[in-house]
Amino acid sequence: MGQLSRITQQPDVMGGKACIRGMRVTVGMVVGQIGAGHSIDEVLADHPYLEREDIMQALRYAAWRAEEREVTLATA
């Protein structure tokens, strides 16, 4: 896994969830917006304190976590 210098985890911030640069913005919130169809530019416009690299690292972190363990999905 490449370096994820912008992803932080602190027990006293957002219940210890992975956040962006110690802010109260979780990786899940960012990835959820992208997954809901928002573009990176829309997320940046909604959260002007975020930077493009914050979003890219959030996506890389989420992809890494998804590969970390097997999750049983419903079959079609």
PDB file of N, CA and C in Angstrom:
ATOM      1  N   MET A   1       0.852  -1.181   0.000  1.00  0.00           N
ATOM      2  CA  MET A   1       0.000   0.000   0.000  1.00  0.00           C
ATOM      3  C   MET A   1       0.881   1.222   0.000  1.00  0.00           C
ATOM      4  N   GLY A   2       0.620   2.127  -0.927  1.00  0.00           N
ATOM      5  CA  GLY A   2       1.373   3.367  -0.978  1.00  0.00           C
ATOM      6  C   GLY A   2       1.110   4.227   0.243  1.00  0.00           C
ATOM      7  N   GLN A   3       1.880   5.242   0.405  1.00  0.00           N
ATOM      8  CA  GLN A   3       1.747   6.100   1.578  1.00  0.00           C
ATOM      9  C   GLN A   3       0.423   6.854   1.530  1.00  0.00           C
ATOM     10  N   LEU A   4      -0.243   6.871   2.654  1.00  0.00           N
ATOM     11  CA  LEU A   4      -1.519   7.584   2.789  1.00  0.00           C
ATOM     12  C   LEU A   4      -1.366   8.639   3.881  1.00  0.00           C
ATOM     13  N   SER A   5      -0.580   9.641   3.602  1.00  0.00           N
ATOM     14  CA  SER A   5      -0.233  10.644   4.608  1.00  0.00           C
ATOM     15  C   SER A   5      -1.410  11.531   5.004  1.00  0.00           C
ATOM     16  N   ARG A   6      -2.462  11.559   4.217  1.00  0.00           N
ATOM     17  CA  ARG A   6      -3.600  12.424   4.515  1.00  0.00           C
ATOM     18  C   ARG A   6      -4.718  11.691   5.254  1.00  0.00           C
ATOM     19  N   ILE A   7      -4.590  10.395   5.419  1.00  0.00           N
ATOM     20  CA  ILE A   7      -5.607   9.608   6.112  1.00  0.00           C
ATOM     21  C   ILE A   7      -5.142   9.414   7.551  1.00  0.00           C
ATOM     22  N   THR A   8      -5.967   9.854   8.497  1.00  0.00           N
ATOM     23  CA  THR A   8      -5.611   9.788   9.910  1.00  0.00           C
ATOM     24  C   THR A   8      -6.687   9.052  10.692  1.00  0.00           C
ATOM     25  N   GLN A   9      -6.275   8.501  11.815  1.00  0.00           N
ATOM     26  CA  GLN A   9      -7.213   7.865  12.733  1.00  0.00           C
ATOM     27  C   GLN A   9      -6.839   8.265  14.145  1.00  0.00           C
ATOM     28  N   GLN A  10      -7.799   8.862  14.846  1.00  0.00           N
ATOM     29  CA  GLN A  10      -7.600   9.266  16.227  1.00  0.00           C
ATOM     30  C   GLN A  10      -8.836   8.837  17.009  1.00  0.00           C
ATOM     31  N   PRO A  11      -8.648   8.202  18.162  1.00  0.00           N
ATOM     32  CA  PRO A  11      -9.802   7.723  18.929  1.00  0.00           C
ATOM     33  C   PRO A  11     -10.811   8.814  19.280  1.00  0.00           C
ATOM     34  N   ASP A  12     -10.345  10.044  19.435  1.00  0.00           N
ATOM     35  CA  ASP A  12     -11.234  11.130  19.853  1.00  0.00           C
ATOM     36  C   ASP A  12     -11.820  11.942  18.699  1.00  0.00           C
ATOM     37  N   VAL A  13     -11.562  11.531  17.469  1.00  0.00           N
ATOM     38  CA  VAL A  13     -12.113  12.222  16.295  1.00  0.00           C
ATOM     39  C   VAL A  13     -12.990  11.248  15.524  1.00  0.00           C
ATOM     40  N   MET A  14     -14.264  11.543  15.444  1.00  0.00           N
ATOM     41  CA  MET A  14     -15.238  10.738  14.698  1.00  0.00           C
ATOM     42  C   MET A  14     -15.209   9.264  15.114  1.00  0.00           C
ATOM     43  N   GLY A  15     -15.032   9.047  16.402  1.00  0.00           N
ATOM     44  CA  GLY A  15     -15.066   7.688  16.926  1.00  0.00           C
ATOM     45  C   GLY A  15     -13.948   6.790  16.432  1.00  0.00           C
ATOM     46  N   GLY A  16     -12.843   7.372  16.009  1.00  0.00           N
ATOM     47  CA  GLY A  16     -11.706   6.588  15.549  1.00  0.00           C
ATOM     48  C   GLY A  16     -11.784   6.148  14.099  1.00  0.00           C
ATOM     49  N   LYS A  17     -12.793   6.633  13.374  1.00  0.00           N
ATOM     50  CA  LYS A  17     -12.902   6.294  11.949  1.00  0.00           C
ATOM     51  C   LYS A  17     -11.783   6.975  11.170  1.00  0.00           C
ATOM     52  N   ALA A  18     -11.457   6.416  10.016  1.00  0.00           N
ATOM     53  CA  ALA A  18     -10.448   7.014   9.145  1.00  0.00           C
ATOM     54  C   ALA A  18     -10.973   8.359   8.649  1.00  0.00           C
ATOM     55  N   CYS A  19     -10.171   9.397   8.843  1.00  0.00           N
ATOM     56  CA  CYS A  19     -10.565  10.767   8.486  1.00  0.00           C
ATOM     57  C   CYS A  19      -9.540  11.385   7.554  1.00  0.00           C
ATOM     58  N   ILE A  20      -9.918  12.522   7.010  1.00  0.00           N
ATOM     59  CA  ILE A  20      -9.025  13.291   6.145  1.00  0.00           C
ATOM     60  C   ILE A  20      -8.292  14.319   6.990  1.00  0.00           C
ATOM     61  N   ARG A  21      -6.982  14.186   7.056  1.00  0.00           N
ATOM     62  CA  ARG A  21      -6.095  15.141   7.737  1.00  0.00           C
ATOM     63  C   ARG A  21      -6.583  15.555   9.126  1.00  0.00           C
ATOM     64  N   GLY A  22      -7.120  14.633   9.894  1.00  0.00           N
ATOM     65  CA  GLY A  22      -7.535  14.925  11.256  1.00  0.00           C
ATOM     66  C   GLY A  22      -8.820  15.722  11.376  1.00  0.00           C
ATOM     67  N   MET A  23      -9.429  16.043  10.246  1.00  0.00           N
ATOM     68  CA  MET A  23     -10.683  16.796  10.262  1.00  0.00           C
ATOM     69  C   MET A  23     -11.845  15.849  10.541  1.00  0.00           C
ATOM     70  N   ARG A  24     -12.981  16.404  10.782  1.00  0.00           N
ATOM     71  CA  ARG A  24     -14.185  15.600  11.017  1.00  0.00           C
ATOM     72  C   ARG A  24     -14.879  15.263   9.700  1.00  0.00           C
ATOM     73  N   VAL A  25     -14.075  14.850   8.746  1.00  0.00           N
ATOM     74  CA  VAL A  25     -14.549  14.379   7.442  1.00  0.00           C
ATOM     75  C   VAL A  25     -14.008  12.967   7.289  1.00  0.00           C
ATOM     76  N   THR A  26     -14.905  11.984   7.299  1.00  0.00           N
ATOM     77  CA  THR A  26     -14.438  10.597   7.225  1.00  0.00           C
ATOM     78  C   THR A  26     -14.226  10.163   5.783  1.00  0.00           C
ATOM     79  N   VAL A  27     -13.379   9.160   5.646  1.00  0.00           N
ATOM     80  CA  VAL A  27     -13.171   8.540   4.337  1.00  0.00           C
ATOM     81  C   VAL A  27     -14.512   8.039   3.813  1.00  0.00           C
ATOM     82  N   GLY A  28     -15.311   7.455   4.687  1.00  0.00           N
ATOM     83  CA  GLY A  28     -16.614   6.932   4.284  1.00  0.00           C
ATOM     84  C   GLY A  28     -17.525   7.999   3.714  1.00  0.00           C
ATOM     85  N   MET A  29     -17.485   9.195   4.293  1.00  0.00           N
ATOM     86  CA  MET A  29     -18.313  10.288   3.776  1.00  0.00           C
ATOM     87  C   MET A  29     -17.888  10.670   2.363  1.00  0.00           C
ATOM     88  N   VAL A  30     -16.593  10.767   2.148  1.00  0.00           N
ATOM     89  CA  VAL A  30     -16.070  11.151   0.835  1.00  0.00           C
ATOM     90  C   VAL A  30     -16.366  10.061  -0.199  1.00  0.00           C
ATOM     91  N   VAL A  31     -16.050   8.827   0.140  1.00  0.00           N
ATOM     92  CA  VAL A  31     -16.271   7.713  -0.786  1.00  0.00           C
ATOM     93  C   VAL A  31     -17.763   7.540  -1.053  1.00  0.00           C
ATOM     94  N   GLY A  32     -18.584   7.754  -0.038  1.00  0.00           N
ATOM     95  CA  GLY A  32     -20.031   7.666  -0.219  1.00  0.00           C
ATOM     96  C   GLY A  32     -20.549   8.680  -1.224  1.00  0.00           C
ATOM     97  N   GLN A  33     -20.004   9.887  -1.194  1.00  0.00           N
ATOM     98  CA  GLN A  33     -20.433  10.901  -2.158  1.00  0.00           C
ATOM     99  C   GLN A  33     -20.027  10.517  -3.579  1.00  0.00           C
ATOM    100  N   ILE A  34     -18.817  10.005  -3.722  1.00  0.00           N
ATOM    101  CA  ILE A  34     -18.373   9.568  -5.053  1.00  0.00           C
ATOM    102  C   ILE A  34     -19.257   8.410  -5.520  1.00  0.00           C
ATOM    103  N   GLY A  35     -19.523   7.489  -4.626  1.00  0.00           N
ATOM    104  CA  GLY A  35     -20.363   6.337  -4.961  1.00  0.00           C
ATOM    105  C   GLY A  35     -21.788   6.714  -5.304  1.00  0.00           C
ATOM    106  N   ALA A  36     -22.253   7.841  -4.768  1.00  0.00           N
ATOM    107  CA  ALA A  36     -23.602   8.317  -5.057  1.00  0.00           C
ATOM    108  C   ALA A  36     -23.671   9.072  -6.379  1.00  0.00           C
ATOM    109  N   GLY A  37     -22.533   9.175  -7.064  1.00  0.00           N
ATOM    110  CA  GLY A  37     -22.536   9.802  -8.384  1.00  0.00           C
ATOM    111  C   GLY A  37     -21.993  11.211  -8.444  1.00  0.00           C
ATOM    112  N   HIS A  38     -21.533  11.735  -7.316  1.00  0.00           N
ATOM    113  CA  HIS A  38     -20.944  13.074  -7.324  1.00  0.00           C
ATOM    114  C   HIS A  38     -19.539  13.010  -7.904  1.00  0.00           C
ATOM    115  N   SER A  39     -19.184  14.003  -8.665  1.00  0.00           N
ATOM    116  CA  SER A  39     -17.832  14.053  -9.226  1.00  0.00           C
ATOM    117  C   SER A  39     -16.869  14.580  -8.158  1.00  0.00           C
ATOM    118  N   ILE A  40     -15.595  14.382  -8.404  1.00  0.00           N
ATOM    119  CA  ILE A  40     -14.585  14.917  -7.488  1.00  0.00           C
ATOM    120  C   ILE A  40     -14.736  16.426  -7.385  1.00  0.00           C
ATOM    121  N   ASP A  41     -14.973  17.088  -8.503  1.00  0.00           N
ATOM    122  CA  ASP A  41     -15.138  18.552  -8.479  1.00  0.00           C
ATOM    123  C   ASP A  41     -16.349  18.961  -7.643  1.00  0.00           C
ATOM    124  N   GLU A  42     -17.424  18.180  -7.688  1.00  0.00           N
ATOM    125  CA  GLU A  42     -18.601  18.496  -6.865  1.00  0.00           C
ATOM    126  C   GLU A  42     -18.295  18.324  -5.383  1.00  0.00           C
ATOM    127  N   VAL A  43     -17.566  17.276  -5.045  1.00  0.00           N
ATOM    128  CA  VAL A  43     -17.192  17.063  -3.644  1.00  0.00           C
ATOM    129  C   VAL A  43     -16.311  18.208  -3.170  1.00  0.00           C
ATOM    130  N   LEU A  44     -15.374  18.624  -4.003  1.00  0.00           N
ATOM    131  CA  LEU A  44     -14.504  19.746  -3.649  1.00  0.00           C
ATOM    132  C   LEU A  44     -15.294  21.042  -3.484  1.00  0.00           C
ATOM    133  N   ALA A  45     -16.281  21.246  -4.314  1.00  0.00           N
ATOM    134  CA  ALA A  45     -17.112  22.449  -4.200  1.00  0.00           C
ATOM    135  C   ALA A  45     -17.942  22.425  -2.925  1.00  0.00           C
ATOM    136  N   ASP A  46     -18.430  21.239  -2.544  1.00  0.00           N
ATOM    137  CA  ASP A  46     -19.219  21.101  -1.325  1.00  0.00           C
ATOM    138  C   ASP A  46     -18.369  21.234  -0.066  1.00  0.00           C
ATOM    139  N   HIS A  47     -17.097  20.888  -0.174  1.00  0.00           N
ATOM    140  CA  HIS A  47     -16.180  20.900   0.970  1.00  0.00           C
ATOM    141  C   HIS A  47     -14.908  21.655   0.575  1.00  0.00           C
ATOM    142  N   PRO A  48     -14.941  22.982   0.576  1.00  0.00           N
ATOM    143  CA  PRO A  48     -13.808  23.760   0.069  1.00  0.00           C
ATOM    144  C   PRO A  48     -12.508  23.590   0.858  1.00  0.00           C
ATOM    145  N   TYR A  49     -12.571  23.018   2.036  1.00  0.00           N
ATOM    146  CA  TYR A  49     -11.371  22.792   2.841  1.00  0.00           C
ATOM    147  C   TYR A  49     -10.660  21.497   2.441  1.00  0.00           C
ATOM    148  N   LEU A  50     -11.275  20.708   1.556  1.00  0.00           N
ATOM    149  CA  LEU A  50     -10.633  19.498   1.042  1.00  0.00           C
ATOM    150  C   LEU A  50      -9.835  19.825  -0.211  1.00  0.00           C
ATOM    151  N   GLU A  51      -8.843  18.987  -0.476  1.00  0.00           N
ATOM    152  CA  GLU A  51      -8.029  19.111  -1.671  1.00  0.00           C
ATOM    153  C   GLU A  51      -8.189  17.840  -2.509  1.00  0.00           C
ATOM    154  N   ARG A  52      -7.915  17.951  -3.782  1.00  0.00           N
ATOM    155  CA  ARG A  52      -8.060  16.811  -4.684  1.00  0.00           C
ATOM    156  C   ARG A  52      -7.307  15.584  -4.163  1.00  0.00           C
ATOM    157  N   GLU A  53      -6.100  15.776  -3.672  1.00  0.00           N
ATOM    158  CA  GLU A  53      -5.318  14.646  -3.173  1.00  0.00           C
ATOM    159  C   GLU A  53      -5.973  13.994  -1.953  1.00  0.00           C
ATOM    160  N   ASP A  54      -6.717  14.760  -1.154  1.00  0.00           N
ATOM    161  CA  ASP A  54      -7.475  14.178  -0.039  1.00  0.00           C
ATOM    162  C   ASP A  54      -8.453  13.135  -0.561  1.00  0.00           C
ATOM    163  N   ILE A  55      -9.163  13.487  -1.615  1.00  0.00           N
ATOM    164  CA  ILE A  55     -10.163  12.580  -2.187  1.00  0.00           C
ATOM    165  C   ILE A  55      -9.495  11.375  -2.825  1.00  0.00           C
ATOM    166  N   MET A  56      -8.401  11.599  -3.527  1.00  0.00           N
ATOM    167  CA  MET A  56      -7.698  10.488  -4.171  1.00  0.00           C
ATOM    168  C   MET A  56      -7.167   9.504  -3.131  1.00  0.00           C
ATOM    169  N   GLN A  57      -6.636  10.018  -2.030  1.00  0.00           N
ATOM    170  CA  GLN A  57      -6.146   9.121  -0.986  1.00  0.00           C
ATOM    171  C   GLN A  57      -7.298   8.408  -0.284  1.00  0.00           C
ATOM    172  N   ALA A  58      -8.426   9.072  -0.123  1.00  0.00           N
ATOM    173  CA  ALA A  58      -9.600   8.416   0.466  1.00  0.00           C
ATOM    174  C   ALA A  58     -10.036   7.242  -0.407  1.00  0.00           C
ATOM    175  N   LEU A  59     -10.035   7.424  -1.704  1.00  0.00           N
ATOM    176  CA  LEU A  59     -10.408   6.352  -2.622  1.00  0.00           C
ATOM    177  C   LEU A  59      -9.396   5.211  -2.581  1.00  0.00           C
ATOM    178  N   ARG A  60      -8.103   5.543  -2.539  1.00  0.00           N
ATOM    179  CA  ARG A  60      -7.076   4.506  -2.449  1.00  0.00           C
ATOM    180  C   ARG A  60      -7.186   3.738  -1.131  1.00  0.00           C
ATOM    181  N   TYR A  61      -7.461   4.451  -0.049  1.00  0.00           N
ATOM    182  CA  TYR A  61      -7.616   3.809   1.248  1.00  0.00           C
ATOM    183  C   TYR A  61      -8.816   2.864   1.235  1.00  0.00           C
ATOM    184  N   ALA A  62      -9.931   3.321   0.689  1.00  0.00           N
ATOM    185  CA  ALA A  62     -11.136   2.484   0.629  1.00  0.00           C
ATOM    186  C   ALA A  62     -10.892   1.244  -0.233  1.00  0.00           C
ATOM    187  N   ALA A  63     -10.194   1.391  -1.332  1.00  0.00           N
ATOM    188  CA  ALA A  63      -9.887   0.248  -2.195  1.00  0.00           C
ATOM    189  C   ALA A  63      -8.992  -0.740  -1.461  1.00  0.00           C
ATOM    190  N   TRP A  64      -8.012  -0.243  -0.748  1.00  0.00           N
ATOM    191  CA  TRP A  64      -7.115  -1.100   0.019  1.00  0.00           C
ATOM    192  C   TRP A  64      -7.888  -1.859   1.090  1.00  0.00           C
ATOM    193  N   ARG A  65      -8.780  -1.172   1.803  1.00  0.00           N
ATOM    194  CA  ARG A  65      -9.564  -1.826   2.847  1.00  0.00           C
ATOM    195  C   ARG A  65     -10.515  -2.865   2.258  1.00  0.00           C
ATOM    196  N   ALA A  66     -11.051  -2.590   1.095  1.00  0.00           N
ATOM    197  CA  ALA A  66     -11.959  -3.541   0.459  1.00  0.00           C
ATOM    198  C   ALA A  66     -11.219  -4.822   0.071  1.00  0.00           C
ATOM    199  N   GLU A  67      -9.964  -4.710  -0.286  1.00  0.00           N
ATOM    200  CA  GLU A  67      -9.160  -5.868  -0.658  1.00  0.00           C
ATOM    201  C   GLU A  67      -8.607  -6.593   0.560  1.00  0.00           C
ATOM    202  N   GLU A  68      -8.640  -5.940   1.708  1.00  0.00           N
ATOM    203  CA  GLU A  68      -8.023  -6.485   2.913  1.00  0.00           C
ATOM    204  C   GLU A  68      -8.739  -7.723   3.443  1.00  0.00           C
ATOM    205  N   ARG A  69     -10.047  -7.814   3.255  1.00  0.00           N
ATOM    206  CA  ARG A  69     -10.780  -8.961   3.761  1.00  0.00           C
ATOM    207  C   ARG A  69     -11.913  -9.313   2.805  1.00  0.00           C
ATOM    208  N   GLU A  70     -12.322 -10.534   2.865  1.00  0.00           N
ATOM    209  CA  GLU A  70     -13.412 -10.965   1.998  1.00  0.00           C
ATOM    210  C   GLU A  70     -14.748 -10.573   2.618  1.00  0.00           C
ATOM    211  N   VAL A  71     -15.634 -10.108   1.785  1.00  0.00           N
ATOM    212  CA  VAL A  71     -16.971  -9.728   2.212  1.00  0.00           C
ATOM    213  C   VAL A  71     -17.949 -10.552   1.384  1.00  0.00           C
ATOM    214  N   THR A  72     -18.877 -11.204   2.043  1.00  0.00           N
ATOM    215  CA  THR A  72     -19.878 -11.993   1.337  1.00  0.00           C
ATOM    216  C   THR A  72     -20.943 -11.064   0.785  1.00  0.00           C
ATOM    217  N   LEU A  73     -21.153 -11.133  -0.523  1.00  0.00           N
ATOM    218  CA  LEU A  73     -22.152 -10.306  -1.198  1.00  0.00           C
ATOM    219  C   LEU A  73     -23.308 -11.169  -1.635  1.00  0.00           C
ATOM    220  N   ALA A  74     -24.463 -10.568  -1.759  1.00  0.00           N
ATOM    221  CA  ALA A  74     -25.625 -11.295  -2.242  1.00  0.00           C
ATOM    222  C   ALA A  74     -25.409 -11.689  -3.697  1.00  0.00           C
ATOM    223  N   THR A  75     -25.881 -12.850  -4.076  1.00  0.00           N
ATOM    224  CA  THR A  75     -25.755 -13.275  -5.475  1.00  0.00           C
ATOM    225  C   THR A  75     -26.938 -12.743  -6.273  1.00  0.00           C
ATOM    226  N   ALA A  76     -26.703 -12.522  -7.551  1.00  0.00           N
ATOM    227  CA  ALA A  76     -27.745 -11.960  -8.409  1.00  0.00           C
ATOM    228  C   ALA A  76     -28.755 -12.994  -8.814  1.00  0.00           C
TER     229      ALA A  76
END
